[in-house]
């Protein structure tokens, strides 16, 4: 009951229903393509920066990052790194508190028709360890990721959020993100019924 209560509280009920349908072979996936990093004011989190310093993933961190969830493995992390993806981590007293990934060749985990240009990055797989949630780490981690990517000449950032994942959309909008495209993908088993661009706020 507590799990269901949290689902309703955070606006994830429809996302949970769609997850149940996916288990029986019907995958209905409405999602936004979001443009990020359009900050108009300087944002700082001095206390979080002190307690949760950000850094790029190091070799010794890989097992700890893989242990955060049951869907990320050491082999998967090595595969991402071999493809040139970057991972930024937050730590608290030496322990992994969160991480987020970036890639530059394209948007690999969905099939939308958006192509990255030079100087752009796709941000994905952001995760805050449950013990550290409720402290505002998600926007802080995102901002720290922007700052590190700018040092390697990446200045425009994109991400994907499920249409019904309100918490993810809200924290991105706190950083002045824009919902620029709305897609709908429908599959029955492995067969794709259709993949449609429903709304386009950019002519790119």
N, C-alpha and C. Protein backbone atom coordinates (compact mmCIF):
# COMPACT_ATOMS: atom_id res chain seq x y z
N UNK A 1 0.82 -1.21 0.00
CA UNK A 1 0.00 0.00 0.00
C UNK A 1 0.85 1.26 0.00
N UNK A 2 1.98 1.20 0.73
CA UNK A 2 2.86 2.37 0.76
C UNK A 2 3.40 2.67 -0.62
N UNK A 3 3.76 1.61 -1.37
CA UNK A 3 4.28 1.80 -2.72
C UNK A 3 3.24 2.44 -3.61
N UNK A 4 1.98 1.98 -3.51
CA UNK A 4 0.91 2.57 -4.31
C UNK A 4 0.68 4.02 -3.90
N UNK A 5 0.75 4.30 -2.60
CA UNK A 5 0.57 5.67 -2.13
C UNK A 5 1.61 6.61 -2.69
N UNK A 6 2.86 6.17 -2.72
CA UNK A 6 3.93 6.99 -3.29
C UNK A 6 3.72 7.17 -4.80
N UNK A 7 3.23 6.13 -5.46
CA UNK A 7 2.96 6.21 -6.90
C UNK A 7 1.95 7.31 -7.18
N UNK A 8 0.85 7.35 -6.41
CA UNK A 8 -0.17 8.38 -6.59
C UNK A 8 0.38 9.75 -6.19
N UNK A 9 1.08 9.80 -5.08
CA UNK A 9 1.61 11.06 -4.56
C UNK A 9 2.51 11.76 -5.56
N UNK A 10 3.37 11.01 -6.23
CA UNK A 10 4.32 11.60 -7.15
C UNK A 10 3.84 11.62 -8.60
N UNK A 11 2.55 11.35 -8.81
CA UNK A 11 1.98 11.46 -10.15
C UNK A 11 2.44 10.40 -11.10
N UNK A 12 2.71 9.19 -10.59
CA UNK A 12 3.26 8.13 -11.43
C UNK A 12 2.27 6.99 -11.66
N UNK A 13 0.98 7.24 -11.35
CA UNK A 13 0.01 6.16 -11.46
C UNK A 13 -0.12 5.67 -12.90
N UNK A 14 -0.27 6.59 -13.85
CA UNK A 14 -0.42 6.18 -15.24
C UNK A 14 0.85 5.48 -15.74
N UNK A 15 2.02 5.95 -15.31
CA UNK A 15 3.26 5.30 -15.69
C UNK A 15 3.30 3.86 -15.16
N UNK A 16 2.76 3.66 -13.96
CA UNK A 16 2.72 2.31 -13.39
C UNK A 16 1.76 1.42 -14.18
N UNK A 17 0.61 1.97 -14.58
CA UNK A 17 -0.35 1.20 -15.38
C UNK A 17 0.26 0.79 -16.71
N UNK A 18 0.95 1.73 -17.37
CA UNK A 18 1.58 1.41 -18.65
C UNK A 18 2.67 0.35 -18.45
N UNK A 19 3.35 0.39 -17.30
CA UNK A 19 4.35 -0.63 -17.01
C UNK A 19 3.74 -2.01 -16.89
N UNK A 20 2.54 -2.09 -16.31
CA UNK A 20 1.84 -3.37 -16.20
C UNK A 20 1.42 -3.88 -17.59
N UNK A 21 0.95 -2.97 -18.44
CA UNK A 21 0.56 -3.37 -19.80
C UNK A 21 1.77 -3.88 -20.59
N UNK A 22 2.93 -3.25 -20.35
CA UNK A 22 4.14 -3.68 -21.05
C UNK A 22 4.50 -5.11 -20.70
N UNK A 23 4.23 -5.50 -19.45
CA UNK A 23 4.55 -6.86 -19.01
C UNK A 23 3.76 -7.91 -19.79
N UNK A 24 2.56 -7.52 -20.27
CA UNK A 24 1.74 -8.49 -21.01
C UNK A 24 1.86 -8.28 -22.53
N UNK A 25 2.85 -7.46 -22.94
CA UNK A 25 3.15 -7.35 -24.36
C UNK A 25 2.67 -6.12 -25.08
N UNK A 26 1.93 -5.23 -24.38
CA UNK A 26 1.46 -4.00 -25.01
C UNK A 26 2.26 -2.83 -24.47
N UNK A 27 3.12 -2.26 -25.31
CA UNK A 27 4.03 -1.19 -24.90
C UNK A 27 3.54 0.13 -25.51
N UNK A 28 2.93 0.98 -24.68
CA UNK A 28 2.46 2.30 -25.10
C UNK A 28 3.39 3.31 -24.45
N UNK A 29 4.17 4.01 -25.26
CA UNK A 29 5.25 4.83 -24.73
C UNK A 29 5.18 6.27 -25.25
N UNK A 30 4.44 7.15 -24.57
CA UNK A 30 4.49 8.57 -24.90
C UNK A 30 5.68 9.21 -24.17
N UNK A 31 6.47 10.00 -24.86
CA UNK A 31 7.64 10.59 -24.20
C UNK A 31 8.00 11.94 -24.81
N UNK A 32 8.65 12.76 -24.01
CA UNK A 32 9.13 14.06 -24.43
C UNK A 32 10.61 14.01 -24.77
N UNK A 33 10.99 14.74 -25.81
CA UNK A 33 12.39 15.11 -26.01
C UNK A 33 12.55 16.49 -25.40
N UNK A 34 13.53 16.63 -24.54
CA UNK A 34 13.70 17.85 -23.74
C UNK A 34 15.06 18.47 -24.02
N UNK A 35 15.05 19.80 -24.24
CA UNK A 35 16.31 20.52 -24.40
C UNK A 35 16.66 21.17 -23.07
N UNK A 36 17.89 20.94 -22.63
CA UNK A 36 18.32 21.41 -21.31
C UNK A 36 19.52 22.34 -21.39
N UNK A 37 19.85 22.91 -20.24
CA UNK A 37 21.05 23.73 -20.13
C UNK A 37 20.85 25.18 -20.50
N UNK A 38 19.59 25.61 -20.68
CA UNK A 38 19.30 26.99 -21.08
C UNK A 38 19.15 27.86 -19.84
N UNK A 39 20.22 27.98 -19.08
CA UNK A 39 20.17 28.68 -17.80
C UNK A 39 20.31 30.17 -18.00
N UNK A 40 19.43 30.93 -17.38
CA UNK A 40 19.48 32.38 -17.50
C UNK A 40 20.18 33.02 -16.30
N UNK A 41 20.16 32.37 -15.17
CA UNK A 41 20.80 32.88 -13.96
C UNK A 41 21.79 31.86 -13.45
N UNK A 42 22.83 32.35 -12.81
CA UNK A 42 23.81 31.45 -12.22
C UNK A 42 23.17 30.69 -11.06
N UNK A 43 23.30 29.39 -11.06
CA UNK A 43 22.71 28.56 -10.01
C UNK A 43 23.83 27.89 -9.23
N UNK A 44 23.71 27.93 -7.91
CA UNK A 44 24.72 27.29 -7.07
C UNK A 44 24.03 26.57 -5.92
N UNK A 45 24.65 25.50 -5.49
CA UNK A 45 24.18 24.73 -4.35
C UNK A 45 25.38 24.53 -3.42
N UNK A 46 25.80 25.57 -2.70
CA UNK A 46 27.05 25.46 -1.93
C UNK A 46 27.05 24.35 -0.90
N UNK A 47 25.94 24.13 -0.20
CA UNK A 47 25.92 23.08 0.82
C UNK A 47 25.98 21.70 0.17
N UNK A 48 25.22 21.51 -0.92
CA UNK A 48 25.25 20.23 -1.60
C UNK A 48 26.62 19.97 -2.22
N UNK A 49 27.24 21.03 -2.75
CA UNK A 49 28.56 20.87 -3.37
C UNK A 49 29.59 20.43 -2.34
N UNK A 50 29.41 20.86 -1.08
CA UNK A 50 30.33 20.47 -0.01
C UNK A 50 30.07 19.03 0.43
N UNK A 51 28.79 18.70 0.61
CA UNK A 51 28.44 17.38 1.13
C UNK A 51 28.42 16.29 0.06
N UNK A 52 28.17 16.69 -1.20
CA UNK A 52 28.05 15.73 -2.29
C UNK A 52 28.89 16.19 -3.49
N UNK A 53 30.20 16.17 -3.35
CA UNK A 53 31.05 16.64 -4.46
C UNK A 53 30.87 15.77 -5.70
N UNK A 54 30.86 16.43 -6.85
CA UNK A 54 30.73 15.73 -8.12
C UNK A 54 32.09 15.46 -8.74
N UNK A 55 32.20 14.37 -9.49
CA UNK A 55 33.43 14.04 -10.19
C UNK A 55 33.10 13.10 -11.33
N UNK A 56 34.02 12.97 -12.26
CA UNK A 56 33.82 12.02 -13.33
C UNK A 56 34.13 10.61 -12.82
N UNK A 57 33.44 9.65 -13.40
CA UNK A 57 33.60 8.26 -12.98
C UNK A 57 35.05 7.80 -13.12
N UNK A 58 35.57 7.18 -12.06
CA UNK A 58 36.90 6.60 -12.08
C UNK A 58 36.79 5.07 -12.05
N UNK A 59 37.86 4.42 -12.42
CA UNK A 59 37.85 2.96 -12.51
C UNK A 59 37.41 2.31 -11.21
N UNK A 60 37.88 2.83 -10.09
CA UNK A 60 37.55 2.23 -8.79
C UNK A 60 36.09 2.41 -8.41
N UNK A 61 35.39 3.35 -9.08
CA UNK A 61 33.99 3.60 -8.76
C UNK A 61 33.04 2.63 -9.48
N UNK A 62 33.52 1.94 -10.49
CA UNK A 62 32.63 1.15 -11.35
C UNK A 62 31.83 0.10 -10.58
N UNK A 63 32.44 -0.72 -9.71
CA UNK A 63 31.64 -1.71 -8.98
C UNK A 63 30.56 -1.07 -8.10
N UNK A 64 30.86 0.06 -7.49
CA UNK A 64 29.89 0.73 -6.62
C UNK A 64 28.71 1.28 -7.42
N UNK A 65 28.97 1.82 -8.60
CA UNK A 65 27.89 2.31 -9.46
C UNK A 65 27.03 1.14 -9.93
N UNK A 66 27.66 0.04 -10.31
CA UNK A 66 26.91 -1.13 -10.76
C UNK A 66 26.04 -1.70 -9.65
N UNK A 67 26.47 -1.54 -8.40
CA UNK A 67 25.72 -2.10 -7.27
C UNK A 67 24.51 -1.25 -6.88
N UNK A 68 24.36 -0.07 -7.47
CA UNK A 68 23.26 0.83 -7.10
C UNK A 68 21.90 0.29 -7.54
N UNK A 69 21.86 -0.42 -8.66
CA UNK A 69 20.60 -0.94 -9.18
C UNK A 69 20.81 -2.37 -9.67
N UNK A 70 19.72 -3.02 -10.02
CA UNK A 70 19.84 -4.39 -10.54
C UNK A 70 19.81 -4.43 -12.06
N UNK A 71 19.78 -3.27 -12.71
CA UNK A 71 19.77 -3.27 -14.18
C UNK A 71 21.05 -2.70 -14.80
N UNK A 72 21.97 -2.24 -13.98
CA UNK A 72 23.26 -1.76 -14.47
C UNK A 72 24.33 -2.72 -13.98
N UNK A 73 25.15 -3.22 -14.88
CA UNK A 73 26.20 -4.17 -14.54
C UNK A 73 27.56 -3.57 -14.85
N UNK A 74 28.59 -4.20 -14.32
CA UNK A 74 29.96 -3.77 -14.61
C UNK A 74 30.23 -3.86 -16.11
N UNK A 75 29.77 -4.92 -16.74
CA UNK A 75 29.98 -5.08 -18.18
C UNK A 75 29.28 -3.97 -18.97
N UNK A 76 28.08 -3.60 -18.55
CA UNK A 76 27.36 -2.53 -19.23
C UNK A 76 28.11 -1.21 -19.11
N UNK A 77 28.63 -0.94 -17.92
CA UNK A 77 29.39 0.30 -17.72
C UNK A 77 30.62 0.33 -18.61
N UNK A 78 31.35 -0.77 -18.66
CA UNK A 78 32.53 -0.83 -19.53
C UNK A 78 32.15 -0.65 -21.00
N UNK A 79 31.01 -1.21 -21.40
CA UNK A 79 30.55 -1.05 -22.77
C UNK A 79 30.25 0.40 -23.09
N UNK A 80 29.59 1.09 -22.18
CA UNK A 80 29.29 2.51 -22.39
C UNK A 80 30.57 3.33 -22.49
N UNK A 81 31.50 3.07 -21.59
CA UNK A 81 32.76 3.82 -21.60
C UNK A 81 33.54 3.57 -22.88
N UNK A 82 33.49 2.33 -23.38
CA UNK A 82 34.21 2.00 -24.62
C UNK A 82 33.64 2.74 -25.83
N UNK A 83 32.37 3.15 -25.72
CA UNK A 83 31.72 3.90 -26.80
C UNK A 83 31.90 5.41 -26.65
N UNK A 84 32.64 5.81 -25.65
CA UNK A 84 32.91 7.24 -25.45
C UNK A 84 31.92 7.97 -24.58
N UNK A 85 31.01 7.23 -23.93
CA UNK A 85 30.06 7.87 -23.04
C UNK A 85 30.79 8.33 -21.77
N UNK A 86 30.27 9.38 -21.15
CA UNK A 86 30.83 9.89 -19.91
C UNK A 86 29.84 9.70 -18.78
N UNK A 87 30.36 9.46 -17.59
CA UNK A 87 29.51 9.30 -16.41
C UNK A 87 30.03 10.22 -15.31
N UNK A 88 29.11 11.01 -14.74
CA UNK A 88 29.45 11.84 -13.60
C UNK A 88 28.80 11.26 -12.36
N UNK A 89 29.52 11.25 -11.25
CA UNK A 89 29.00 10.70 -10.00
C UNK A 89 29.00 11.75 -8.91
N UNK A 90 28.05 11.61 -7.98
CA UNK A 90 28.06 12.36 -6.73
C UNK A 90 28.45 11.40 -5.63
N UNK A 91 29.23 11.88 -4.68
CA UNK A 91 29.63 11.04 -3.55
C UNK A 91 29.30 11.74 -2.24
N UNK A 92 29.04 10.93 -1.23
CA UNK A 92 28.84 11.42 0.13
C UNK A 92 29.72 10.59 1.05
N UNK A 93 30.73 11.21 1.60
CA UNK A 93 31.69 10.51 2.45
C UNK A 93 32.26 9.28 1.75
N UNK A 94 32.56 9.46 0.48
CA UNK A 94 33.20 8.41 -0.30
C UNK A 94 32.26 7.40 -0.91
N UNK A 95 30.96 7.45 -0.58
CA UNK A 95 29.98 6.51 -1.13
C UNK A 95 29.23 7.15 -2.30
N UNK A 96 28.86 6.33 -3.28
CA UNK A 96 28.11 6.83 -4.42
C UNK A 96 26.70 7.24 -3.97
N UNK A 97 26.35 8.50 -4.24
CA UNK A 97 25.02 9.02 -3.91
C UNK A 97 24.15 9.17 -5.15
N UNK A 98 24.77 9.25 -6.31
CA UNK A 98 24.02 9.40 -7.54
C UNK A 98 24.97 9.40 -8.73
N UNK A 99 24.39 9.23 -9.92
CA UNK A 99 25.20 9.28 -11.13
C UNK A 99 24.32 9.64 -12.31
N UNK A 100 24.94 10.10 -13.37
CA UNK A 100 24.23 10.39 -14.61
C UNK A 100 25.19 10.21 -15.78
N UNK A 101 24.64 9.85 -16.94
CA UNK A 101 25.43 9.53 -18.12
C UNK A 101 25.19 10.53 -19.25
N UNK A 102 26.18 10.63 -20.14
CA UNK A 102 26.06 11.46 -21.34
C UNK A 102 26.71 10.75 -22.51
N UNK A 103 26.10 10.87 -23.68
CA UNK A 103 26.71 10.37 -24.91
C UNK A 103 26.60 11.44 -25.98
N UNK A 104 27.39 11.30 -27.04
CA UNK A 104 27.53 12.37 -28.03
C UNK A 104 27.23 11.94 -29.46
N UNK A 105 27.11 10.64 -29.70
CA UNK A 105 26.89 10.15 -31.07
C UNK A 105 25.42 10.18 -31.46
N UNK A 106 24.52 10.14 -30.48
CA UNK A 106 23.10 10.11 -30.81
C UNK A 106 22.27 9.77 -29.60
N UNK A 107 20.99 9.56 -29.83
CA UNK A 107 20.06 9.20 -28.77
C UNK A 107 19.80 7.71 -28.89
N UNK A 108 20.45 6.93 -28.06
CA UNK A 108 20.54 5.49 -28.32
C UNK A 108 19.44 4.66 -27.68
N UNK A 109 18.81 5.13 -26.61
CA UNK A 109 17.87 4.25 -25.92
C UNK A 109 16.42 4.44 -26.31
N UNK A 110 16.16 5.28 -27.29
CA UNK A 110 14.84 5.39 -27.91
C UNK A 110 15.06 5.54 -29.41
N UNK A 111 13.98 5.43 -30.18
CA UNK A 111 14.13 5.39 -31.63
C UNK A 111 13.60 6.65 -32.31
N UNK A 112 13.60 7.79 -31.63
CA UNK A 112 13.12 9.01 -32.26
C UNK A 112 14.12 9.47 -33.32
N UNK A 113 13.66 10.35 -34.20
CA UNK A 113 14.42 10.73 -35.39
C UNK A 113 15.28 11.98 -35.17
N UNK A 114 15.76 12.18 -33.96
CA UNK A 114 16.51 13.39 -33.64
C UNK A 114 18.01 13.11 -33.74
N UNK A 115 18.74 13.99 -34.41
CA UNK A 115 20.17 13.82 -34.64
C UNK A 115 20.95 14.88 -33.86
N UNK A 116 21.94 14.44 -33.11
CA UNK A 116 22.78 15.37 -32.37
C UNK A 116 23.79 16.03 -33.29
N UNK A 117 24.05 17.29 -33.03
CA UNK A 117 25.09 18.01 -33.76
C UNK A 117 26.34 18.13 -32.90
N UNK A 118 27.40 18.65 -33.53
CA UNK A 118 28.62 18.91 -32.79
C UNK A 118 28.32 19.91 -31.68
N UNK A 119 28.88 19.65 -30.50
CA UNK A 119 28.64 20.55 -29.37
C UNK A 119 27.40 20.21 -28.57
N UNK A 120 26.71 19.10 -28.94
CA UNK A 120 25.51 18.69 -28.23
C UNK A 120 25.73 17.33 -27.55
N UNK A 121 24.96 17.09 -26.52
CA UNK A 121 25.07 15.83 -25.77
C UNK A 121 23.69 15.34 -25.38
N UNK A 122 23.57 14.04 -25.29
CA UNK A 122 22.34 13.40 -24.82
C UNK A 122 22.58 12.89 -23.40
N UNK A 123 21.75 13.30 -22.46
CA UNK A 123 21.88 12.92 -21.06
C UNK A 123 20.87 11.82 -20.75
N UNK A 124 21.32 10.78 -20.05
CA UNK A 124 20.43 9.66 -19.79
C UNK A 124 20.83 8.94 -18.50
N UNK A 125 19.94 8.08 -18.05
CA UNK A 125 20.20 7.19 -16.91
C UNK A 125 20.68 7.96 -15.68
N UNK A 126 19.92 8.99 -15.30
CA UNK A 126 20.22 9.70 -14.05
C UNK A 126 19.60 8.94 -12.89
N UNK A 127 20.36 8.76 -11.82
CA UNK A 127 19.89 7.95 -10.69
C UNK A 127 20.42 8.53 -9.39
N UNK A 128 19.50 8.70 -8.43
CA UNK A 128 19.88 9.09 -7.07
C UNK A 128 19.64 7.89 -6.16
N UNK A 129 20.63 7.49 -5.41
CA UNK A 129 20.51 6.37 -4.48
C UNK A 129 19.39 6.68 -3.47
N UNK A 130 18.47 5.73 -3.22
CA UNK A 130 17.31 5.99 -2.35
C UNK A 130 17.65 6.64 -1.01
N UNK A 131 18.74 6.25 -0.39
CA UNK A 131 19.10 6.80 0.92
C UNK A 131 19.35 8.31 0.87
N UNK A 132 19.60 8.86 -0.33
CA UNK A 132 19.94 10.27 -0.44
C UNK A 132 18.86 11.09 -1.14
N UNK A 133 17.71 10.49 -1.38
CA UNK A 133 16.62 11.21 -2.03
C UNK A 133 15.95 12.18 -1.06
N UNK A 134 15.25 13.17 -1.61
CA UNK A 134 14.57 14.16 -0.79
C UNK A 134 15.45 15.32 -0.38
N UNK A 135 16.64 15.42 -0.95
CA UNK A 135 17.56 16.51 -0.59
C UNK A 135 17.82 17.47 -1.76
N UNK A 136 17.07 17.32 -2.85
CA UNK A 136 17.25 18.20 -4.00
C UNK A 136 18.48 17.88 -4.82
N UNK A 137 18.92 16.63 -4.79
CA UNK A 137 20.15 16.27 -5.50
C UNK A 137 19.98 16.21 -7.02
N UNK A 138 18.77 15.92 -7.50
CA UNK A 138 18.59 15.73 -8.94
C UNK A 138 18.94 16.99 -9.74
N UNK A 139 18.38 18.17 -9.44
CA UNK A 139 18.77 19.35 -10.21
C UNK A 139 20.22 19.75 -10.00
N UNK A 140 20.72 19.59 -8.77
CA UNK A 140 22.13 19.89 -8.52
C UNK A 140 23.04 19.01 -9.34
N UNK A 141 22.74 17.70 -9.39
CA UNK A 141 23.57 16.79 -10.17
C UNK A 141 23.51 17.15 -11.66
N UNK A 142 22.33 17.51 -12.13
CA UNK A 142 22.18 17.88 -13.54
C UNK A 142 23.03 19.11 -13.85
N UNK A 143 22.98 20.09 -12.99
CA UNK A 143 23.75 21.31 -13.20
C UNK A 143 25.25 21.01 -13.20
N UNK A 144 25.69 20.18 -12.27
CA UNK A 144 27.10 19.80 -12.23
C UNK A 144 27.50 19.08 -13.51
N UNK A 145 26.59 18.27 -14.05
CA UNK A 145 26.86 17.58 -15.31
C UNK A 145 27.02 18.59 -16.45
N UNK A 146 26.13 19.59 -16.50
CA UNK A 146 26.26 20.65 -17.52
C UNK A 146 27.65 21.27 -17.45
N UNK A 147 28.07 21.62 -16.24
CA UNK A 147 29.33 22.32 -16.07
C UNK A 147 30.51 21.48 -16.56
N UNK A 148 30.51 20.21 -16.29
CA UNK A 148 31.61 19.35 -16.72
C UNK A 148 31.59 19.12 -18.22
N UNK A 149 30.41 19.02 -18.80
CA UNK A 149 30.33 18.82 -20.25
C UNK A 149 30.74 20.08 -21.02
N UNK A 150 30.48 21.23 -20.44
CA UNK A 150 30.92 22.46 -21.10
C UNK A 150 32.44 22.52 -21.21
N UNK A 151 33.13 21.87 -20.29
CA UNK A 151 34.59 21.85 -20.34
C UNK A 151 35.12 21.01 -21.49
N UNK A 152 34.27 20.15 -22.06
CA UNK A 152 34.67 19.37 -23.24
C UNK A 152 33.88 19.84 -24.47
N UNK A 153 33.52 21.15 -24.45
CA UNK A 153 32.89 21.83 -25.59
C UNK A 153 31.51 21.28 -25.95
N UNK A 154 30.75 20.84 -24.95
CA UNK A 154 29.35 20.48 -25.15
C UNK A 154 28.50 21.52 -24.43
N UNK A 155 27.64 22.19 -25.17
CA UNK A 155 26.92 23.33 -24.59
C UNK A 155 25.40 23.24 -24.71
N UNK A 156 24.89 22.29 -25.47
CA UNK A 156 23.44 22.09 -25.58
C UNK A 156 23.15 20.63 -25.25
N UNK A 157 22.13 20.41 -24.44
CA UNK A 157 21.89 19.07 -23.90
C UNK A 157 20.45 18.65 -24.13
N UNK A 158 20.28 17.37 -24.40
CA UNK A 158 18.94 16.82 -24.63
C UNK A 158 18.75 15.60 -23.73
N UNK A 159 17.48 15.33 -23.43
CA UNK A 159 17.15 14.14 -22.66
C UNK A 159 15.75 13.69 -23.03
N UNK A 160 15.39 12.51 -22.55
CA UNK A 160 14.08 11.93 -22.76
C UNK A 160 13.40 11.76 -21.40
N UNK A 161 12.13 12.09 -21.30
CA UNK A 161 11.35 11.78 -20.10
C UNK A 161 9.99 11.23 -20.53
N UNK A 162 9.56 10.18 -19.85
CA UNK A 162 8.22 9.66 -20.10
C UNK A 162 7.18 10.75 -19.85
N UNK A 163 6.16 10.77 -20.67
CA UNK A 163 5.12 11.80 -20.59
C UNK A 163 4.50 11.88 -19.20
N UNK A 164 4.33 10.75 -18.55
CA UNK A 164 3.67 10.72 -17.25
C UNK A 164 4.64 10.75 -16.07
N UNK A 165 5.93 10.91 -16.33
CA UNK A 165 6.91 10.96 -15.25
C UNK A 165 7.06 12.42 -14.78
N UNK A 166 6.10 12.86 -14.01
CA UNK A 166 6.07 14.27 -13.59
C UNK A 166 7.27 14.69 -12.77
N UNK A 167 7.75 13.87 -11.81
CA UNK A 167 8.93 14.32 -11.04
C UNK A 167 10.14 14.61 -11.91
N UNK A 168 10.40 13.76 -12.92
CA UNK A 168 11.56 13.98 -13.79
C UNK A 168 11.39 15.26 -14.60
N UNK A 169 10.20 15.48 -15.10
CA UNK A 169 9.95 16.69 -15.89
C UNK A 169 10.07 17.94 -15.02
N UNK A 170 9.54 17.89 -13.81
CA UNK A 170 9.57 19.06 -12.93
C UNK A 170 10.99 19.47 -12.59
N UNK A 171 11.85 18.48 -12.26
CA UNK A 171 13.20 18.89 -11.85
C UNK A 171 13.97 19.47 -13.03
N UNK A 172 13.71 18.98 -14.23
CA UNK A 172 14.37 19.55 -15.40
C UNK A 172 13.88 20.96 -15.69
N UNK A 173 12.58 21.18 -15.49
CA UNK A 173 12.03 22.52 -15.73
C UNK A 173 12.53 23.52 -14.72
N UNK A 174 12.92 23.05 -13.52
CA UNK A 174 13.53 23.96 -12.55
C UNK A 174 14.84 24.52 -13.08
N UNK A 175 15.45 23.82 -14.02
CA UNK A 175 16.70 24.26 -14.63
C UNK A 175 16.43 24.91 -15.99
N UNK A 176 15.17 25.36 -16.20
CA UNK A 176 14.79 26.08 -17.40
C UNK A 176 14.80 25.22 -18.66
N UNK A 177 14.56 23.92 -18.50
CA UNK A 177 14.49 23.03 -19.66
C UNK A 177 13.23 23.29 -20.47
N UNK A 178 13.26 22.91 -21.74
CA UNK A 178 12.14 23.09 -22.66
C UNK A 178 11.66 21.74 -23.19
N UNK A 179 10.36 21.51 -23.19
CA UNK A 179 9.77 20.32 -23.79
C UNK A 179 9.59 20.61 -25.28
N UNK A 180 10.47 20.09 -26.12
CA UNK A 180 10.47 20.53 -27.51
C UNK A 180 9.78 19.57 -28.47
N UNK A 181 9.69 18.29 -28.13
CA UNK A 181 9.00 17.34 -28.98
C UNK A 181 8.26 16.32 -28.13
N UNK A 182 7.09 15.90 -28.63
CA UNK A 182 6.32 14.84 -27.99
C UNK A 182 6.14 13.70 -28.98
N UNK A 183 6.56 12.51 -28.58
CA UNK A 183 6.46 11.32 -29.42
C UNK A 183 5.53 10.30 -28.78
N UNK A 184 5.01 9.41 -29.61
CA UNK A 184 4.26 8.25 -29.13
C UNK A 184 4.73 7.03 -29.90
N UNK A 185 5.20 6.03 -29.17
CA UNK A 185 5.61 4.76 -29.74
C UNK A 185 4.72 3.66 -29.19
N UNK A 186 4.21 2.80 -30.06
CA UNK A 186 3.35 1.70 -29.64
C UNK A 186 3.91 0.40 -30.22
N UNK A 187 4.08 -0.60 -29.33
CA UNK A 187 4.54 -1.92 -29.75
C UNK A 187 3.63 -2.99 -29.19
N UNK A 188 3.48 -4.05 -29.94
CA UNK A 188 2.85 -5.27 -29.44
C UNK A 188 3.90 -6.36 -29.51
N UNK A 189 4.40 -6.76 -28.36
CA UNK A 189 5.55 -7.65 -28.34
C UNK A 189 6.75 -6.93 -28.95
N UNK A 190 7.42 -7.56 -29.89
CA UNK A 190 8.56 -6.93 -30.57
C UNK A 190 8.15 -6.18 -31.83
N UNK A 191 6.85 -6.23 -32.18
CA UNK A 191 6.37 -5.58 -33.41
C UNK A 191 5.97 -4.14 -33.12
N UNK A 192 6.56 -3.22 -33.85
CA UNK A 192 6.22 -1.81 -33.68
C UNK A 192 4.99 -1.46 -34.52
N UNK A 193 3.93 -1.07 -33.84
CA UNK A 193 2.71 -0.65 -34.52
C UNK A 193 2.90 0.71 -35.16
N UNK A 194 3.58 1.60 -34.45
CA UNK A 194 3.82 2.94 -34.99
C UNK A 194 4.67 3.77 -34.05
N UNK A 195 5.29 4.81 -34.61
CA UNK A 195 6.12 5.73 -33.84
C UNK A 195 5.89 7.11 -34.45
N UNK A 196 5.18 7.96 -33.70
CA UNK A 196 4.71 9.21 -34.26
C UNK A 196 5.26 10.42 -33.51
N UNK A 197 5.56 11.47 -34.26
CA UNK A 197 5.88 12.77 -33.69
C UNK A 197 4.56 13.53 -33.55
N UNK A 198 4.11 13.74 -32.32
CA UNK A 198 2.81 14.36 -32.08
C UNK A 198 2.88 15.88 -31.95
N UNK A 199 4.02 16.36 -31.49
CA UNK A 199 4.16 17.81 -31.27
C UNK A 199 5.61 18.20 -31.48
N UNK A 200 5.84 19.31 -32.16
CA UNK A 200 7.20 19.75 -32.47
C UNK A 200 7.31 21.24 -32.22
N UNK A 201 8.12 21.60 -31.22
CA UNK A 201 8.32 23.01 -30.87
C UNK A 201 9.63 23.56 -31.43
N UNK A 202 10.30 22.80 -32.26
CA UNK A 202 11.52 23.28 -32.87
C UNK A 202 11.56 22.84 -34.32
N UNK A 203 12.16 23.65 -35.16
CA UNK A 203 12.25 23.34 -36.59
C UNK A 203 13.57 22.68 -36.91
N UNK A 204 14.37 22.36 -35.87
CA UNK A 204 15.69 21.75 -36.11
C UNK A 204 15.56 20.45 -36.86
